[in-house]
PDB file of N, CA and C in Angstrom:
ATOM      1  N   MET A   1     -20.745 -42.218 -18.603  1.00  0.00           N
ATOM      2  CA  MET A   1     -21.085 -40.844 -18.761  1.00  0.00           C
ATOM      3  C   MET A   1     -21.307 -40.163 -17.402  1.00  0.00           C
ATOM      4  N   THR A   2     -20.949 -38.879 -17.399  1.00  0.00           N
ATOM      5  CA  THR A   2     -21.297 -38.132 -16.163  1.00  0.00           C
ATOM      6  C   THR A   2     -22.547 -37.345 -16.212  1.00  0.00           C
ATOM      7  N   LYS A   3     -23.411 -37.489 -15.285  1.00  0.00           N
ATOM      8  CA  LYS A   3     -24.719 -36.816 -15.384  1.00  0.00           C
ATOM      9  C   LYS A   3     -24.477 -35.483 -14.775  1.00  0.00           C
ATOM     10  N   THR A   4     -24.852 -34.330 -15.401  1.00  0.00           N
ATOM     11  CA  THR A   4     -24.757 -32.982 -14.848  1.00  0.00           C
ATOM     12  C   THR A   4     -26.178 -32.595 -14.322  1.00  0.00           C
ATOM     13  N   THR A   5     -26.198 -32.047 -13.254  1.00  0.00           N
ATOM     14  CA  THR A   5     -27.495 -31.514 -12.666  1.00  0.00           C
ATOM     15  C   THR A   5     -27.477 -29.988 -12.634  1.00  0.00           C
ATOM     16  N   THR A   6     -28.482 -29.424 -12.988  1.00  0.00           N
ATOM     17  CA  THR A   6     -28.655 -28.014 -12.881  1.00  0.00           C
ATOM     18  C   THR A   6     -29.655 -27.565 -11.916  1.00  0.00           C
ATOM     19  N   LYS A   7     -29.417 -26.711 -11.015  1.00  0.00           N
ATOM     20  CA  LYS A   7     -30.448 -26.208 -10.032  1.00  0.00           C
ATOM     21  C   LYS A   7     -31.273 -25.305 -10.738  1.00  0.00           C
ATOM     22  N   ILE A   8     -32.616 -25.378 -10.496  1.00  0.00           N
ATOM     23  CA  ILE A   8     -33.583 -24.451 -11.028  1.00  0.00           C
ATOM     24  C   ILE A   8     -33.557 -23.093 -10.200  1.00  0.00           C
ATOM     25  N   LYS A   9     -33.367 -22.033 -10.878  1.00  0.00           N
ATOM     26  CA  LYS A   9     -33.402 -20.793 -10.177  1.00  0.00           C
ATOM     27  C   LYS A   9     -34.839 -20.142 -10.102  1.00  0.00           C
ATOM     28  N   SER A  10     -35.437 -20.338  -8.903  1.00  0.00           N
ATOM     29  CA  SER A  10     -36.841 -19.927  -8.809  1.00  0.00           C
ATOM     30  C   SER A  10     -37.081 -18.891  -7.765  1.00  0.00           C
ATOM     31  N   ALA A  11     -36.028 -18.660  -6.937  1.00  0.00           N
ATOM     32  CA  ALA A  11     -36.238 -17.659  -5.813  1.00  0.00           C
ATOM     33  C   ALA A  11     -36.083 -16.187  -6.337  1.00  0.00           C
ATOM     34  N   MET A  12     -36.881 -15.386  -5.830  1.00  0.00           N
ATOM     35  CA  MET A  12     -36.907 -13.953  -6.296  1.00  0.00           C
ATOM     36  C   MET A  12     -36.382 -13.052  -5.171  1.00  0.00           C
ATOM     37  N   VAL A  13     -35.457 -12.096  -5.543  1.00  0.00           N
ATOM     38  CA  VAL A  13     -35.130 -11.174  -4.497  1.00  0.00           C
ATOM     39  C   VAL A  13     -35.411  -9.773  -5.036  1.00  0.00           C
ATOM     40  N   ARG A  14     -36.128  -8.992  -4.183  1.00  0.00           N
ATOM     41  CA  ARG A  14     -36.527  -7.622  -4.562  1.00  0.00           C
ATOM     42  C   ARG A  14     -36.004  -6.778  -3.542  1.00  0.00           C
ATOM     43  N   ALA A  15     -35.484  -5.661  -3.936  1.00  0.00           N
ATOM     44  CA  ALA A  15     -34.985  -4.630  -2.943  1.00  0.00           C
ATOM     45  C   ALA A  15     -35.128  -3.242  -3.559  1.00  0.00           C
ATOM     46  N   ARG A  16     -35.368  -2.283  -2.764  1.00  0.00           N
ATOM     47  CA  ARG A  16     -35.423  -0.944  -3.116  1.00  0.00           C
ATOM     48  C   ARG A  16     -34.096  -0.274  -2.765  1.00  0.00           C
ATOM     49  N   ILE A  17     -33.436   0.384  -3.763  1.00  0.00           N
ATOM     50  CA  ILE A  17     -32.192   1.087  -3.379  1.00  0.00           C
ATOM     51  C   ILE A  17     -32.242   2.404  -4.227  1.00  0.00           C
ATOM     52  N   GLU A  18     -31.271   3.349  -3.847  1.00  0.00           N
ATOM     53  CA  GLU A  18     -31.226   4.565  -4.505  1.00  0.00           C
ATOM     54  C   GLU A  18     -30.791   4.422  -6.009  1.00  0.00           C
ATOM     55  N   PRO A  19     -31.561   5.024  -6.924  1.00  0.00           N
ATOM     56  CA  PRO A  19     -31.221   4.841  -8.359  1.00  0.00           C
ATOM     57  C   PRO A  19     -29.758   5.137  -8.694  1.00  0.00           C
ATOM     58  N   GLY A  20     -29.132   6.172  -8.127  1.00  0.00           N
ATOM     59  CA  GLY A  20     -27.822   6.547  -8.393  1.00  0.00           C
ATOM     60  C   GLY A  20     -26.820   5.429  -8.034  1.00  0.00           C
ATOM     61  N   LEU A  21     -27.121   4.826  -6.762  1.00  0.00           N
ATOM     62  CA  LEU A  21     -26.316   3.744  -6.284  1.00  0.00           C
ATOM     63  C   LEU A  21     -26.442   2.590  -7.258  1.00  0.00           C
ATOM     64  N   LYS A  22     -27.695   2.262  -7.709  1.00  0.00           N
ATOM     65  CA  LYS A  22     -27.785   1.107  -8.690  1.00  0.00           C
ATOM     66  C   LYS A  22     -27.041   1.452  -9.930  1.00  0.00           C
ATOM     67  N   THR A  23     -27.067   2.557 -10.450  1.00  0.00           N
ATOM     68  CA  THR A  23     -26.373   2.968 -11.645  1.00  0.00           C
ATOM     69  C   THR A  23     -24.843   2.830 -11.587  1.00  0.00           C
ATOM     70  N   LYS A  24     -24.316   3.338 -10.448  1.00  0.00           N
ATOM     71  CA  LYS A  24     -22.887   3.292 -10.164  1.00  0.00           C
ATOM     72  C   LYS A  24     -22.375   1.803 -10.005  1.00  0.00           C
ATOM     73  N   ALA A  25     -23.209   1.083  -9.204  1.00  0.00           N
ATOM     74  CA  ALA A  25     -22.807  -0.366  -9.002  1.00  0.00           C
ATOM     75  C   ALA A  25     -22.883  -1.162 -10.474  1.00  0.00           C
ATOM     76  N   GLU A  26     -23.870  -0.886 -11.240  1.00  0.00           N
ATOM     77  CA  GLU A  26     -23.972  -1.608 -12.495  1.00  0.00           C
ATOM     78  C   GLU A  26     -22.835  -1.281 -13.462  1.00  0.00           C
ATOM     79  N   LYS A  27     -22.310  -0.027 -13.288  1.00  0.00           N
ATOM     80  CA  LYS A  27     -21.060   0.298 -14.178  1.00  0.00           C
ATOM     81  C   LYS A  27     -19.967  -0.651 -13.771  1.00  0.00           C
ATOM     82  N   TYR A  28     -19.692  -0.919 -12.516  1.00  0.00           N
ATOM     83  CA  TYR A  28     -18.646  -1.820 -12.101  1.00  0.00           C
ATOM     84  C   TYR A  28     -18.982  -3.247 -12.446  1.00  0.00           C
ATOM     85  N   PHE A  29     -20.223  -3.656 -12.306  1.00  0.00           N
ATOM     86  CA  PHE A  29     -20.646  -4.945 -12.738  1.00  0.00           C
ATOM     87  C   PHE A  29     -20.319  -5.151 -14.283  1.00  0.00           C
ATOM     88  N   ASN A  30     -20.696  -4.229 -15.067  1.00  0.00           N
ATOM     89  CA  ASN A  30     -20.439  -4.317 -16.536  1.00  0.00           C
ATOM     90  C   ASN A  30     -18.887  -4.393 -16.725  1.00  0.00           C
ATOM     91  N   LEU A  31     -18.028  -3.595 -16.116  1.00  0.00           N
ATOM     92  CA  LEU A  31     -16.669  -3.683 -16.230  1.00  0.00           C
ATOM     93  C   LEU A  31     -16.109  -5.061 -15.939  1.00  0.00           C
ATOM     94  N   LEU A  32     -16.824  -5.735 -15.084  1.00  0.00           N
ATOM     95  CA  LEU A  32     -16.405  -7.116 -14.738  1.00  0.00           C
ATOM     96  C   LEU A  32     -17.041  -8.142 -15.546  1.00  0.00           C
ATOM     97  N   GLY A  33     -17.922  -7.709 -16.398  1.00  0.00           N
ATOM     98  CA  GLY A  33     -18.676  -8.753 -17.270  1.00  0.00           C
ATOM     99  C   GLY A  33     -19.730  -9.356 -16.582  1.00  0.00           C
ATOM    100  N   LEU A  34     -20.338  -8.860 -15.542  1.00  0.00           N
ATOM    101  CA  LEU A  34     -21.319  -9.382 -14.693  1.00  0.00           C
ATOM    102  C   LEU A  34     -22.708  -8.686 -14.907  1.00  0.00           C
ATOM    103  N   SER A  35     -23.736  -9.437 -14.974  1.00  0.00           N
ATOM    104  CA  SER A  35     -25.070  -8.827 -14.830  1.00  0.00           C
ATOM    105  C   SER A  35     -25.371  -8.544 -13.358  1.00  0.00           C
ATOM    106  N   THR A  36     -26.374  -7.734 -13.152  1.00  0.00           N
ATOM    107  CA  THR A  36     -26.791  -7.434 -11.795  1.00  0.00           C
ATOM    108  C   THR A  36     -27.184  -8.733 -11.080  1.00  0.00           C
ATOM    109  N   THR A  37     -27.870  -9.576 -11.683  1.00  0.00           N
ATOM    110  CA  THR A  37     -28.319 -10.941 -11.188  1.00  0.00           C
ATOM    111  C   THR A  37     -27.018 -11.690 -10.792  1.00  0.00           C
ATOM    112  N   GLN A  38     -26.073 -11.746 -11.665  1.00  0.00           N
ATOM    113  CA  GLN A  38     -24.873 -12.470 -11.389  1.00  0.00           C
ATOM    114  C   GLN A  38     -24.175 -11.923 -10.172  1.00  0.00           C
ATOM    115  N   ALA A  39     -24.130 -10.552 -10.082  1.00  0.00           N
ATOM    116  CA  ALA A  39     -23.308  -9.905  -8.970  1.00  0.00           C
ATOM    117  C   ALA A  39     -24.122 -10.193  -7.628  1.00  0.00           C
ATOM    118  N   ILE A  40     -25.350 -10.187  -7.678  1.00  0.00           N
ATOM    119  CA  ILE A  40     -26.179 -10.493  -6.525  1.00  0.00           C
ATOM    120  C   ILE A  40     -25.942 -11.952  -6.053  1.00  0.00           C
ATOM    121  N   THR A  41     -25.895 -12.879  -7.060  1.00  0.00           N
ATOM    122  CA  THR A  41     -25.738 -14.334  -6.772  1.00  0.00           C
ATOM    123  C   THR A  41     -24.284 -14.547  -6.186  1.00  0.00           C
ATOM    124  N   LEU A  42     -23.326 -13.816  -6.803  1.00  0.00           N
ATOM    125  CA  LEU A  42     -21.926 -13.897  -6.211  1.00  0.00           C
ATOM    126  C   LEU A  42     -21.903 -13.403  -4.798  1.00  0.00           C
ATOM    127  N   PHE A  43     -22.543 -12.319  -4.508  1.00  0.00           N
ATOM    128  CA  PHE A  43     -22.616 -11.816  -3.061  1.00  0.00           C
ATOM    129  C   PHE A  43     -23.239 -12.839  -2.138  1.00  0.00           C
ATOM    130  N   PHE A  44     -24.316 -13.415  -2.560  1.00  0.00           N
ATOM    131  CA  PHE A  44     -25.096 -14.415  -1.700  1.00  0.00           C
ATOM    132  C   PHE A  44     -24.185 -15.598  -1.507  1.00  0.00           C
ATOM    133  N   LYS A  45     -23.462 -16.098  -2.518  1.00  0.00           N
ATOM    134  CA  LYS A  45     -22.425 -17.236  -2.381  1.00  0.00           C
ATOM    135  C   LYS A  45     -21.319 -16.892  -1.440  1.00  0.00           C
ATOM    136  N   GLN A  46     -20.922 -15.671  -1.502  1.00  0.00           N
ATOM    137  CA  GLN A  46     -19.791 -15.250  -0.600  1.00  0.00           C
ATOM    138  C   GLN A  46     -20.348 -15.194   0.929  1.00  0.00           C
ATOM    139  N   VAL A  47     -21.636 -14.738   1.095  1.00  0.00           N
ATOM    140  CA  VAL A  47     -22.238 -14.835   2.408  1.00  0.00           C
ATOM    141  C   VAL A  47     -22.188 -16.133   2.921  1.00  0.00           C
ATOM    142  N   GLU A  48     -22.674 -17.078   2.060  1.00  0.00           N
ATOM    143  CA  GLU A  48     -22.714 -18.555   2.454  1.00  0.00           C
ATOM    144  C   GLU A  48     -21.318 -19.031   2.821  1.00  0.00           C
ATOM    145  N   LEU A  49     -20.290 -18.801   1.926  1.00  0.00           N
ATOM    146  CA  LEU A  49     -18.983 -19.213   2.142  1.00  0.00           C
ATOM    147  C   LEU A  49     -18.296 -18.648   3.530  1.00  0.00           C
ATOM    148  N   HIS A  50     -18.597 -17.355   3.782  1.00  0.00           N
ATOM    149  CA  HIS A  50     -18.115 -16.813   4.907  1.00  0.00           C
ATOM    150  C   HIS A  50     -18.929 -16.993   6.229  1.00  0.00           C
ATOM    151  N   HIS A  51     -20.048 -17.551   6.057  1.00  0.00           N
ATOM    152  CA  HIS A  51     -20.963 -17.621   7.155  1.00  0.00           C
ATOM    153  C   HIS A  51     -21.354 -16.224   7.714  1.00  0.00           C
ATOM    154  N   GLY A  52     -21.567 -15.282   6.884  1.00  0.00           N
ATOM    155  CA  GLY A  52     -21.825 -13.923   7.259  1.00  0.00           C
ATOM    156  C   GLY A  52     -21.433 -13.030   6.089  1.00  0.00           C
ATOM    157  N   LEU A  53     -21.409 -11.762   6.397  1.00  0.00           N
ATOM    158  CA  LEU A  53     -20.993 -10.746   5.317  1.00  0.00           C
ATOM    159  C   LEU A  53     -19.545 -10.970   5.013  1.00  0.00           C
ATOM    160  N   PRO A  54     -19.195 -10.882   3.678  1.00  0.00           N
ATOM    161  CA  PRO A  54     -17.822 -11.084   3.320  1.00  0.00           C
ATOM    162  C   PRO A  54     -16.885  -9.947   3.487  1.00  0.00           C
ATOM    163  N   PHE A  55     -17.274  -9.016   4.245  1.00  0.00           N
ATOM    164  CA  PHE A  55     -16.447  -7.856   4.580  1.00  0.00           C
ATOM    165  C   PHE A  55     -16.856  -7.410   6.037  1.00  0.00           C
ATOM    166  N   GLU A  56     -15.937  -6.613   6.563  1.00  0.00           N
ATOM    167  CA  GLU A  56     -16.084  -6.141   7.927  1.00  0.00           C
ATOM    168  C   GLU A  56     -16.827  -4.772   8.023  1.00  0.00           C
ATOM    169  N   ILE A  57     -17.758  -4.687   8.871  1.00  0.00           N
ATOM    170  CA  ILE A  57     -18.612  -3.471   9.074  1.00  0.00           C
ATOM    171  C   ILE A  57     -18.218  -2.965  10.488  1.00  0.00           C
ATOM    172  N   ASN A  58     -17.832  -1.666  10.481  1.00  0.00           N
ATOM    173  CA  ASN A  58     -17.487  -1.093  11.704  1.00  0.00           C
ATOM    174  C   ASN A  58     -18.383   0.143  11.983  1.00  0.00           C
ATOM    175  N   ILE A  59     -18.733   0.440  13.214  1.00  0.00           N
ATOM    176  CA  ILE A  59     -19.416   1.658  13.566  1.00  0.00           C
ATOM    177  C   ILE A  59     -18.363   2.561  14.273  1.00  0.00           C
ATOM    178  N   PRO A  60     -18.092   3.742  13.597  1.00  0.00           N
ATOM    179  CA  PRO A  60     -17.054   4.519  14.234  1.00  0.00           C
ATOM    180  C   PRO A  60     -17.541   5.158  15.577  1.00  0.00           C
ATOM    181  N   ASN A  61     -16.514   5.222  16.493  1.00  0.00           N
ATOM    182  CA  ASN A  61     -16.706   5.839  17.802  1.00  0.00           C
ATOM    183  C   ASN A  61     -16.795   7.383  17.672  1.00  0.00           C
ATOM    184  N   ALA A  62     -17.117   8.076  18.754  1.00  0.00           N
ATOM    185  CA  ALA A  62     -17.351   9.570  18.702  1.00  0.00           C
ATOM    186  C   ALA A  62     -16.089  10.256  18.249  1.00  0.00           C
ATOM    187  N   GLU A  63     -15.010   9.789  18.823  1.00  0.00           N
ATOM    188  CA  GLU A  63     -13.637  10.457  18.333  1.00  0.00           C
ATOM    189  C   GLU A  63     -13.386  10.289  16.831  1.00  0.00           C
ATOM    190  N   THR A  64     -13.723   9.213  16.268  1.00  0.00           N
ATOM    191  CA  THR A  64     -13.482   9.003  14.917  1.00  0.00           C
ATOM    192  C   THR A  64     -14.471   9.818  14.073  1.00  0.00           C
ATOM    193  N   ILE A  65     -15.717   9.867  14.472  1.00  0.00           N
ATOM    194  CA  ILE A  65     -16.726  10.710  13.817  1.00  0.00           C
ATOM    195  C   ILE A  65     -16.309  12.189  13.812  1.00  0.00           C
ATOM    196  N   THR A  66     -15.816  12.713  14.938  1.00  0.00           N
ATOM    197  CA  THR A  66     -15.313  14.131  15.086  1.00  0.00           C
ATOM    198  C   THR A  66     -14.131  14.215  14.055  1.00  0.00           C
ATOM    199  N   ALA A  67     -13.308  13.392  13.969  1.00  0.00           N
ATOM    200  CA  ALA A  67     -12.047  13.441  13.084  1.00  0.00           C
ATOM    201  C   ALA A  67     -12.564  13.418  11.621  1.00  0.00           C
ATOM    202  N   MET A  68     -13.562  12.611  11.320  1.00  0.00           N
ATOM    203  CA  MET A  68     -13.980  12.508   9.970  1.00  0.00           C
ATOM    204  C   MET A  68     -14.665  13.742   9.512  1.00  0.00           C
ATOM    205  N   LYS A  69     -15.477  14.368  10.431  1.00  0.00           N
ATOM    206  CA  LYS A  69     -16.170  15.571  10.146  1.00  0.00           C
ATOM    207  C   LYS A  69     -15.091  16.762   9.938  1.00  0.00           C
ATOM    208  N   GLU A  70     -14.102  16.757  10.764  1.00  0.00           N
ATOM    209  CA  GLU A  70     -13.009  17.803  10.625  1.00  0.00           C
ATOM    210  C   GLU A  70     -12.348  17.690   9.280  1.00  0.00           C
ATOM    211  N   ILE A  71     -12.036  16.455   8.777  1.00  0.00           N
ATOM    212  CA  ILE A  71     -11.463  16.261   7.504  1.00  0.00           C
ATOM    213  C   ILE A  71     -12.382  16.727   6.355  1.00  0.00           C
ATOM    214  N   GLU A  72     -13.736  16.400   6.438  1.00  0.00           N
ATOM    215  CA  GLU A  72     -14.652  16.768   5.469  1.00  0.00           C
ATOM    216  C   GLU A  72     -14.807  18.295   5.393  1.00  0.00           C
ATOM    217  N   ASN A  73     -14.583  18.947   6.464  1.00  0.00           N
ATOM    218  CA  ASN A  73     -14.676  20.401   6.493  1.00  0.00           C
ATOM    219  C   ASN A  73     -13.323  21.080   6.220  1.00  0.00           C
ATOM    220  N   GLY A  74     -12.477  20.403   5.672  1.00  0.00           N
ATOM    221  CA  GLY A  74     -11.004  20.912   5.354  1.00  0.00           C
ATOM    222  C   GLY A  74     -10.141  21.019   6.386  1.00  0.00           C
ATOM    223  N   GLY A  75     -10.347  20.578   7.569  1.00  0.00           N
ATOM    224  CA  GLY A  75      -9.498  20.697   8.679  1.00  0.00           C
ATOM    225  C   GLY A  75      -8.425  19.584   8.651  1.00  0.00           C
ATOM    226  N   GLY A  76      -7.756  19.466   9.837  1.00  0.00           N
ATOM    227  CA  GLY A  76      -6.787  18.263   9.977  1.00  0.00           C
ATOM    228  C   GLY A  76      -5.488  18.818   9.532  1.00  0.00           C
ATOM    229  N   LYS A  77      -4.410  17.988   9.909  1.00  0.00           N
ATOM    230  CA  LYS A  77      -3.060  18.419   9.583  1.00  0.00           C
ATOM    231  C   LYS A  77      -2.631  17.607   8.330  1.00  0.00           C
ATOM    232  N   LYS A  78      -1.776  18.277   7.522  1.00  0.00           N
ATOM    233  CA  LYS A  78      -1.328  17.620   6.254  1.00  0.00           C
ATOM    234  C   LYS A  78       0.210  17.550   6.345  1.00  0.00           C
ATOM    235  N   PHE A  79       0.723  16.461   5.846  1.00  0.00           N
ATOM    236  CA  PHE A  79       2.170  16.269   5.901  1.00  0.00           C
ATOM    237  C   PHE A  79       2.673  15.989   4.465  1.00  0.00           C
ATOM    238  N   ASP A  80       3.820  16.455   4.095  1.00  0.00           N
ATOM    239  CA  ASP A  80       4.484  16.252   2.799  1.00  0.00           C
ATOM    240  C   ASP A  80       5.172  14.866   2.677  1.00  0.00           C
ATOM    241  N   SER A  81       5.399  14.305   3.816  1.00  0.00           N
ATOM    242  CA  SER A  81       6.064  12.954   3.761  1.00  0.00           C
ATOM    243  C   SER A  81       5.803  12.125   4.991  1.00  0.00           C
ATOM    244  N   ALA A  82       6.107  10.903   4.906  1.00  0.00           N
ATOM    245  CA  ALA A  82       5.900  10.082   6.133  1.00  0.00           C
ATOM    246  C   ALA A  82       6.850  10.451   7.205  1.00  0.00           C
ATOM    247  N   ASP A  83       8.089  10.846   6.851  1.00  0.00           N
ATOM    248  CA  ASP A  83       8.991  11.294   7.841  1.00  0.00           C
ATOM    249  C   ASP A  83       8.515  12.468   8.662  1.00  0.00           C
ATOM    250  N   GLU A  84       7.887  13.460   7.978  1.00  0.00           N
ATOM    251  CA  GLU A  84       7.315  14.585   8.532  1.00  0.00           C
ATOM    252  C   GLU A  84       6.222  14.230   9.590  1.00  0.00           C
ATOM    253  N   LEU A  85       5.410  13.257   9.203  1.00  0.00           N
ATOM    254  CA  LEU A  85       4.356  12.822  10.062  1.00  0.00           C
ATOM    255  C   LEU A  85       4.896  12.107  11.285  1.00  0.00           C
ATOM    256  N   PHE A  86       5.872  11.277  11.100  1.00  0.00           N
ATOM    257  CA  PHE A  86       6.487  10.506  12.231  1.00  0.00           C
ATOM    258  C   PHE A  86       7.045  11.494  13.147  1.00  0.00           C
ATOM    259  N   LYS A  87       7.714  12.562  12.573  1.00  0.00           N
ATOM    260  CA  LYS A  87       8.444  13.606  13.506  1.00  0.00           C
ATOM    261  C   LYS A  87       7.261  14.301  14.307  1.00  0.00           C
ATOM    262  N   HIS A  88       6.185  14.604  13.648  1.00  0.00           N
ATOM    263  CA  HIS A  88       5.040  15.286  14.443  1.00  0.00           C
ATOM    264  C   HIS A  88       4.479  14.369  15.477  1.00  0.00           C
ATOM    265  N   LEU A  89       4.522  13.046  15.235  1.00  0.00           N
ATOM    266  CA  LEU A  89       4.012  12.068  16.290  1.00  0.00           C
ATOM    267  C   LEU A  89       5.033  11.683  17.258  1.00  0.00           C
ATOM    268  N   GLY A  90       6.199  12.101  17.127  1.00  0.00           N
ATOM    269  CA  GLY A  90       7.266  11.766  18.034  1.00  0.00           C
ATOM    270  C   GLY A  90       7.805  10.375  17.890  1.00  0.00           C
ATOM    271  N   ILE A  91       7.765   9.933  16.662  1.00  0.00           N
ATOM    272  CA  ILE A  91       8.063   8.537  16.509  1.00  0.00           C
ATOM    273  C   ILE A  91       9.471   8.400  15.820  1.00  0.00           C
TER     274      ILE A  91
END
């Protein structure tokens, strides 16, 4: 016979987050059939597997921040097709 061992889950994780963020995240967890505890456990396992965060985090430079603000304020150039964009870029 094979003996199965179960690890006792006794560590507690507490965090304060915005209520709206929690609600939105839990909607996605529910769609995936996950409880919040299962989702947090999955995240921790991915951190362990990747030896760090399982996604890239970048801090935008000043030029990128300016461009993002311009877009948020309705600015920037719009193109109807990729060809139009490439023509504008001289490609």
